[in-house]
Protein backbone atom coordinates (compact mmCIF):
# COMPACT_ATOMS: atom_id res chain seq x y z
CA MET A 1 108.09 86.76 81.31
CA SER A 2 104.57 86.45 82.67
CA GLN A 3 103.82 83.64 85.10
CA LEU A 4 100.50 82.15 86.12
CA THR A 5 99.56 79.99 89.09
CA LEU A 6 96.41 77.89 88.84
CA PRO A 7 95.26 77.36 92.45
CA ASN A 8 94.10 73.91 93.45
CA ASN A 9 90.36 73.25 93.17
CA TYR A 10 89.62 76.88 92.40
CA HIS A 11 86.05 78.10 92.33
CA ALA A 12 85.02 81.76 92.31
CA LEU A 13 82.71 82.27 95.29
CA LEU A 14 80.98 85.30 93.79
CA SER A 15 79.65 85.98 90.29
CA LEU A 16 81.02 88.89 88.28
CA PRO A 17 78.10 91.23 89.20
CA GLN A 18 78.38 90.21 92.86
CA THR A 19 82.14 90.80 92.71
CA GLU A 20 81.71 94.32 91.35
CA GLN A 21 79.26 95.15 94.15
CA ALA A 22 81.52 93.60 96.78
CA ILE A 23 84.52 95.61 95.53
CA LYS A 24 82.63 98.85 96.14
CA ASN A 25 81.45 97.68 99.57
CA ILE A 26 84.98 96.78 100.62
CA LYS A 27 86.55 99.99 99.36
CA ASP A 28 83.91 102.22 100.95
CA PHE A 29 84.04 100.41 104.30
CA PHE A 30 87.83 100.12 104.49
CA GLN A 31 88.71 103.70 103.62
CA ASN A 32 86.10 105.11 105.99
CA SER A 33 87.34 102.89 108.82
CA LEU A 34 91.01 103.67 108.08
CA SER A 35 90.27 107.39 108.02
CA THR A 36 88.59 107.19 111.42
CA GLN A 37 91.23 104.92 112.98
CA LEU A 38 94.23 107.04 111.94
CA ARG A 39 92.51 110.45 111.77
CA LEU A 40 93.11 110.95 108.05
CA ARG A 41 91.48 113.49 105.75
CA ARG A 42 90.92 112.55 102.12
CA VAL A 43 92.73 114.68 99.53
CA THR A 44 92.96 114.71 95.74
CA ALA A 45 96.12 113.22 94.24
CA PRO A 46 97.98 113.70 90.95
CA LEU A 47 98.22 111.03 88.28
CA PHE A 48 101.50 112.52 87.02
CA VAL A 49 104.24 114.87 88.24
CA LEU A 50 107.01 116.81 86.52
CA SER A 51 110.26 114.95 86.00
CA GLY A 52 113.45 116.15 87.67
CA LEU A 53 111.95 117.31 90.97
CA GLY A 54 112.46 114.10 92.93
CA LEU A 55 108.70 113.92 93.61
CA ASN A 56 108.02 110.55 92.03
CA ASP A 57 108.87 107.49 94.08
CA ASP A 58 111.62 105.18 92.86
CA LEU A 59 110.25 102.08 94.64
CA SER A 60 113.21 99.69 94.51
CA GLY A 61 115.20 102.15 92.41
CA VAL A 62 115.10 100.44 89.01
CA GLU A 63 111.52 100.83 87.75
CA ARG A 64 110.99 103.08 84.73
CA PRO A 65 108.21 105.68 84.93
CA VAL A 66 105.89 106.22 81.98
CA CYS A 67 106.87 109.63 80.58
CA PHE A 68 105.36 112.08 78.10
CA PRO A 69 106.09 115.66 76.90
CA ILE A 70 103.70 118.52 77.70
CA LYS A 71 103.02 120.51 74.53
CA ASP A 72 101.88 123.71 76.24
CA MET A 73 104.83 123.77 78.66
CA GLY A 74 107.65 123.83 76.14
CA GLY A 75 107.96 120.06 75.97
CA GLN A 76 108.67 119.62 79.68
CA THR A 77 108.47 115.97 80.66
CA ALA A 78 105.85 114.59 83.01
CA GLU A 79 105.83 111.09 84.42
CA ILE A 80 103.05 108.84 85.72
CA VAL A 81 103.47 108.36 89.46
CA HIS A 82 104.73 105.08 90.94
CA SER A 83 103.36 106.03 94.34
CA LEU A 84 103.02 109.22 96.36
CA ALA A 85 105.22 108.93 99.46
CA LYS A 86 107.15 112.12 98.80
CA TRP A 87 104.25 114.08 97.33
CA LYS A 88 102.23 113.40 100.49
CA ARG A 89 104.85 114.97 102.77
CA ILE A 90 104.80 118.14 100.71
CA THR A 91 100.99 118.15 100.79
CA LEU A 92 101.00 117.80 104.59
CA ALA A 93 103.32 120.82 104.78
CA GLU A 94 101.23 122.88 102.34
CA TYR A 95 97.99 122.08 104.19
CA LYS A 96 99.68 122.69 107.56
CA VAL A 97 98.28 119.44 108.97
CA ALA A 98 98.81 119.18 112.73
CA GLU A 99 100.76 116.44 114.49
CA GLY A 100 98.63 113.36 115.05
CA PHE A 101 96.55 113.93 111.91
CA GLY A 102 97.10 113.04 108.28
CA ILE A 103 95.80 112.50 104.78
CA TYR A 104 94.90 109.65 102.49
CA THR A 105 94.15 109.48 98.79
CA ASP A 106 93.32 107.13 95.93
CA MET A 107 96.61 106.53 94.11
CA ASN A 108 96.56 105.17 90.57
CA ALA A 109 99.81 104.23 88.89
CA ILE A 110 101.24 102.47 85.85
CA ARG A 111 104.24 100.23 86.42
CA PRO A 112 105.24 98.79 83.03
CA ASP A 113 108.23 96.88 84.44
CA GLU A 114 106.09 94.59 86.61
CA GLU A 115 106.38 90.87 85.90
CA LEU A 116 102.75 89.97 85.33
CA ASP A 117 101.33 87.14 87.41
CA ASN A 118 98.42 86.44 89.77
CA LEU A 119 99.45 89.26 92.11
CA HIS A 120 101.20 91.80 89.89
CA SER A 121 99.58 94.08 87.33
CA MET A 122 100.82 97.05 85.32
CA TYR A 123 97.93 99.00 86.83
CA VAL A 124 98.32 99.77 90.53
CA ASP A 125 95.56 101.18 92.72
CA GLN A 126 96.15 101.79 96.39
CA TRP A 127 95.25 103.99 99.30
CA ASP A 128 98.27 106.18 99.93
CA TRP A 129 98.22 107.61 103.46
CA GLU A 130 100.55 109.82 105.49
CA LEU A 131 100.40 110.91 109.14
CA VAL A 132 102.29 113.76 110.83
CA ILE A 133 104.27 112.56 113.85
CA GLY A 134 106.63 113.99 116.46
CA GLU A 135 110.30 113.25 117.03
CA ALA A 136 109.37 111.00 119.97
CA ASP A 137 107.33 108.80 117.61
CA ARG A 138 110.28 107.84 115.41
CA ASN A 139 110.71 104.37 116.89
CA VAL A 140 109.63 100.76 116.34
CA ALA A 141 107.08 100.86 119.18
CA PHE A 142 105.11 103.58 117.41
CA LEU A 143 105.50 101.80 114.08
CA LYS A 144 103.97 98.66 115.61
CA HIS A 145 101.12 100.69 117.09
CA ILE A 146 100.15 102.02 113.65
CA VAL A 147 100.48 98.56 112.08
CA LYS A 148 98.07 97.18 114.70
CA CYS A 149 95.61 99.99 113.95
CA ILE A 150 95.67 99.13 110.24
CA TYR A 151 95.36 95.42 110.97
CA ASN A 152 92.28 96.08 113.12
CA VAL A 153 90.68 97.76 110.10
CA LEU A 154 91.52 94.67 108.04
CA LEU A 155 89.78 92.48 110.61
CA GLN A 156 86.71 94.72 110.67
CA THR A 157 86.52 94.69 106.88
CA GLU A 158 86.86 90.92 106.72
CA TYR A 159 83.97 90.55 109.13
CA MET A 160 81.84 92.97 107.08
CA VAL A 161 82.44 90.77 104.02
CA TYR A 162 81.43 87.67 106.01
CA GLU A 163 78.20 89.34 107.15
CA ARG A 164 77.23 90.15 103.57
CA TYR A 165 78.58 86.99 101.97
CA PRO A 166 78.44 84.13 104.53
CA GLU A 167 80.11 81.75 102.08
CA ILE A 168 83.36 83.72 102.59
CA ALA A 169 84.45 82.74 106.10
CA PRO A 170 87.08 84.82 107.97
CA VAL A 171 90.64 83.45 107.95
CA LEU A 172 92.75 86.21 109.49
CA PRO A 173 94.19 85.60 112.98
CA ARG A 174 93.11 87.93 115.77
CA LYS A 175 96.53 89.56 116.00
CA ILE A 176 99.45 90.29 113.71
CA GLU A 177 102.97 89.10 114.57
CA PHE A 178 106.17 91.14 114.20
CA ILE A 179 109.62 90.00 113.09
CA HIS A 180 112.70 91.77 111.80
CA ALA A 181 114.11 90.76 108.40
CA GLU A 182 117.40 89.80 110.11
CA GLU A 183 115.60 87.57 112.61
CA LEU A 184 113.72 86.00 109.73
CA ARG A 185 116.96 85.38 107.85
CA LYS A 186 118.45 83.60 110.86
CA MET A 187 115.33 81.46 111.21
CA TYR A 188 115.58 80.27 107.60
CA PRO A 189 119.20 80.91 106.52
CA SER A 190 119.14 78.62 103.48
CA MET A 191 115.98 80.17 101.98
CA THR A 192 115.48 83.12 99.65
CA PRO A 193 113.64 86.17 101.05
CA LYS A 194 110.48 85.13 99.17
CA GLU A 195 110.66 81.62 100.60
CA ARG A 196 111.12 83.06 104.10
CA GLU A 197 108.02 85.18 103.65
CA ASP A 198 106.05 82.11 102.63
CA GLU A 199 107.19 80.21 105.71
CA ILE A 200 106.54 82.95 108.24
CA ALA A 201 103.17 83.86 106.68
CA ARG A 202 102.10 80.22 106.70
CA LYS A 203 103.11 79.97 110.35
CA TYR A 204 101.35 83.07 111.67
CA GLY A 205 98.71 83.99 109.09
CA ALA A 206 99.59 87.69 109.40
CA VAL A 207 103.03 89.18 110.00
CA PHE A 208 104.81 92.52 109.76
CA ILE A 209 108.40 92.21 108.55
CA ILE A 210 110.52 95.10 109.87
CA GLY A 211 113.62 96.52 108.19
CA ILE A 212 112.93 96.24 104.45
CA GLY A 213 115.68 97.85 102.37
CA GLY A 214 118.60 97.77 104.78
CA GLN A 215 121.57 95.44 104.54
CA LEU A 216 121.38 92.29 106.65
CA GLU A 217 124.30 90.79 108.55
CA ASP A 218 125.26 88.49 105.68
CA GLY A 219 125.39 91.42 103.25
CA SER A 220 122.09 90.62 101.57
CA VAL A 221 118.94 92.78 101.43
CA HIS A 222 115.51 91.28 102.10
CA ASP A 223 113.97 93.54 99.44
CA MET A 224 115.01 96.80 97.83
CA ARG A 225 113.73 100.22 98.90
CA ALA A 226 114.66 103.61 97.51
CA PRO A 227 116.71 105.79 99.91
CA ASP A 228 114.47 108.84 100.15
CA TYR A 229 111.17 107.89 101.72
CA ASP A 230 111.21 104.93 104.18
CA ASP A 231 113.80 105.02 106.98
CA TRP A 232 115.47 101.61 106.73
CA SER A 233 118.79 102.54 108.35
CA THR A 234 118.02 104.07 111.77
CA LEU A 235 118.60 101.57 114.56
CA GLY A 236 115.44 100.25 116.17
CA GLU A 237 114.72 97.36 118.54
CA ASN A 238 117.59 95.08 119.58
CA GLY A 239 120.06 97.22 117.67
CA LEU A 240 118.56 96.16 114.32
CA PRO A 241 118.16 98.80 111.58
CA GLY A 242 114.90 99.93 110.11
CA LEU A 243 111.72 101.81 111.02
CA ASN A 244 109.67 100.41 108.15
CA GLY A 245 108.30 97.15 106.82
CA ASP A 246 105.62 95.17 104.99
CA ILE A 247 102.29 93.72 106.12
CA ILE A 248 102.21 90.14 104.86
CA LEU A 249 99.17 87.83 104.98
CA TRP A 250 98.88 84.12 104.21
CA ASN A 251 96.77 83.72 101.09
CA PRO A 252 94.75 80.49 101.44
CA VAL A 253 93.77 80.43 97.76
CA LEU A 254 97.25 80.77 96.24
CA GLU A 255 98.94 79.25 99.33
CA CYS A 256 101.66 81.89 99.47
CA ALA A 257 102.71 85.05 101.26
CA PHE A 258 100.59 88.00 100.20
CA GLU A 259 101.88 91.57 100.67
CA ILE A 260 99.03 93.93 101.41
CA SER A 261 100.98 97.04 102.42
CA SER A 262 104.42 98.62 102.35
CA MET A 263 104.84 101.34 104.96
CA GLY A 264 107.13 102.98 107.46
CA ILE A 265 108.40 105.97 109.35
CA ARG A 266 109.91 108.33 106.78
CA VAL A 267 113.46 109.63 106.63
CA ASP A 268 114.45 112.72 108.58
CA GLN A 269 117.41 114.85 107.46
CA GLU A 270 119.99 112.56 109.06
CA ALA A 271 118.52 109.35 107.67
CA LEU A 272 118.11 110.83 104.19
CA LEU A 273 121.77 111.86 104.00
CA ARG A 274 122.89 108.49 105.35
CA GLN A 275 120.77 106.48 102.92
CA LEU A 276 121.73 108.60 99.92
CA SER A 277 125.35 107.94 100.84
CA ILE A 278 124.80 104.19 101.31
CA THR A 279 123.17 103.93 97.87
CA CYS A 280 125.67 106.29 96.16
CA GLN A 281 122.94 108.78 95.28
CA THR A 282 124.15 111.90 97.07
CA HIS A 283 123.52 113.88 93.86
CA ARG A 284 119.80 113.70 94.68
CA GLN A 285 120.34 116.18 97.53
CA ASN A 286 119.89 118.96 94.97
CA LEU A 287 116.42 117.89 93.84
CA TYR A 288 113.40 119.93 94.90
CA PHE A 289 111.93 117.42 97.38
CA HIS A 290 115.26 116.56 98.95
CA LYS A 291 116.34 120.18 99.38
CA ARG A 292 113.04 121.02 100.98
CA LEU A 293 113.39 118.14 103.44
CA LEU A 294 117.02 118.94 104.25
CA ASP A 295 116.13 122.60 104.80
CA GLY A 296 113.59 121.58 107.48
CA GLY A 297 110.55 122.47 105.40
CA LEU A 298 108.71 119.15 105.70
CA PRO A 299 107.09 117.48 108.72
CA LEU A 300 108.16 114.18 110.23
CA THR A 301 105.75 111.50 109.05
CA ILE A 302 104.80 107.86 108.88
CA GLY A 303 102.96 106.55 105.86
CA GLY A 304 102.48 103.87 103.27
CA GLY A 305 100.30 102.34 100.62
CA ILE A 306 97.58 99.71 100.94
CA GLY A 307 96.68 97.87 97.77
CA GLN A 308 93.00 98.31 96.90
CA SER A 309 92.74 95.50 94.34
CA ARG A 310 94.94 93.30 96.49
CA LEU A 311 92.73 93.83 99.52
CA CYS A 312 89.61 92.97 97.52
CA MET A 313 91.34 89.98 95.95
CA PHE A 314 92.27 88.61 99.37
CA LEU A 315 88.92 89.23 101.06
CA LEU A 316 86.88 87.82 98.16
CA ARG A 317 89.17 84.78 97.82
CA LYS A 318 90.04 85.49 94.19
CA GLY A 319 92.84 83.63 92.46
CA HIS A 320 93.99 86.47 90.18
CA ILE A 321 94.12 90.23 90.62
CA GLY A 322 92.61 90.54 87.15
CA GLU A 323 89.35 89.26 88.66
CA ILE A 324 89.24 92.54 90.60
CA GLN A 325 90.66 95.19 88.27
CA SER A 326 90.67 95.92 84.55
CA SER A 327 94.18 95.77 83.10
CA ILE A 328 96.16 94.31 80.18
CA TRP A 329 97.24 90.67 80.30
CA PRO A 330 98.99 88.35 77.82
CA ASP A 331 96.52 86.50 75.61
CA ASP A 332 97.72 83.10 76.81
CA MET A 333 97.25 84.12 80.46
CA ARG A 334 93.76 85.45 79.83
CA ALA A 335 92.78 82.27 77.97
CA ALA A 336 94.22 79.98 80.65
CA CYS A 337 92.38 81.88 83.39
CA LYS A 338 89.09 81.70 81.52
CA ASN A 339 89.43 77.95 80.99
CA TYR A 340 90.15 77.53 84.70
CA GLY A 341 87.21 79.56 85.92
CA MET A 342 89.14 82.72 86.81
CA GLN A 343 87.32 85.31 84.71
CA LEU A 344 89.52 88.39 84.21
CA ILE A 345 87.71 91.68 83.94
């Protein structure tokens, strides 16, 4: 069921031609700055991968990939990627990328199970990035360091937008706050995870929530994560589990929490086996990616995805992601947006 929020007193600050130009400016500036900040080399990425290899990402574990048979390969099934967390680790190994360096790519995906609203589209475009790290870097302190690097690029990009379009004033705070999902639960025990995100984002303006995917003390999970890319079970600061998390901003247009990135230190052999066991998916040990990791053939990494359309939507103060990207929307949603001044591409 699609849902639509009509933000109070909404007015698009840029025309459609201005928006298209600004999208390019933001994407060019951000990816160049991110590449420099994290020492990432751009690589070419696949739109689809073969099924049955464990290469595609399962996200929260329930999303269906778009699949199709390949005529010239005996009807083998390919599937459109959800994201590229596991593919990137294999690419880092194949390219023999040294510790302290990494890769990034333009990732395009189709997620037909998304519930369509102002923030969620069937079409997903993001920068997928992955950085080779050492064993000593597998800790929350290093995770926070990388988050701060990414946030600095966000601040630089926001200021670039302000210089070119003075009507769009900066709103991001100078620093990002950190909180574990368990600490957040204890702060707001009667709220849902989404409500907690709204409260903490409203309070700080920018926050990184650590430990997404692991079980909290009350038995709940803040949000689901598949067991085979982010490490959400290794103990970190204050004995709390998780070496991953989400960058959440406060969206002043929609007045809600706004996830801009999901990222984390990736599983090593021990964490992979533990998380497959926790989620009752030990059968995945025999898949190509998982065997290669367990055999020691892949580097230790940290990585994530940063939404391209989401970033542009936030920085240009748009009320709907369809004002940034071309996708398919229900007729009633498209009509309502048009009547309200939110022109969907």
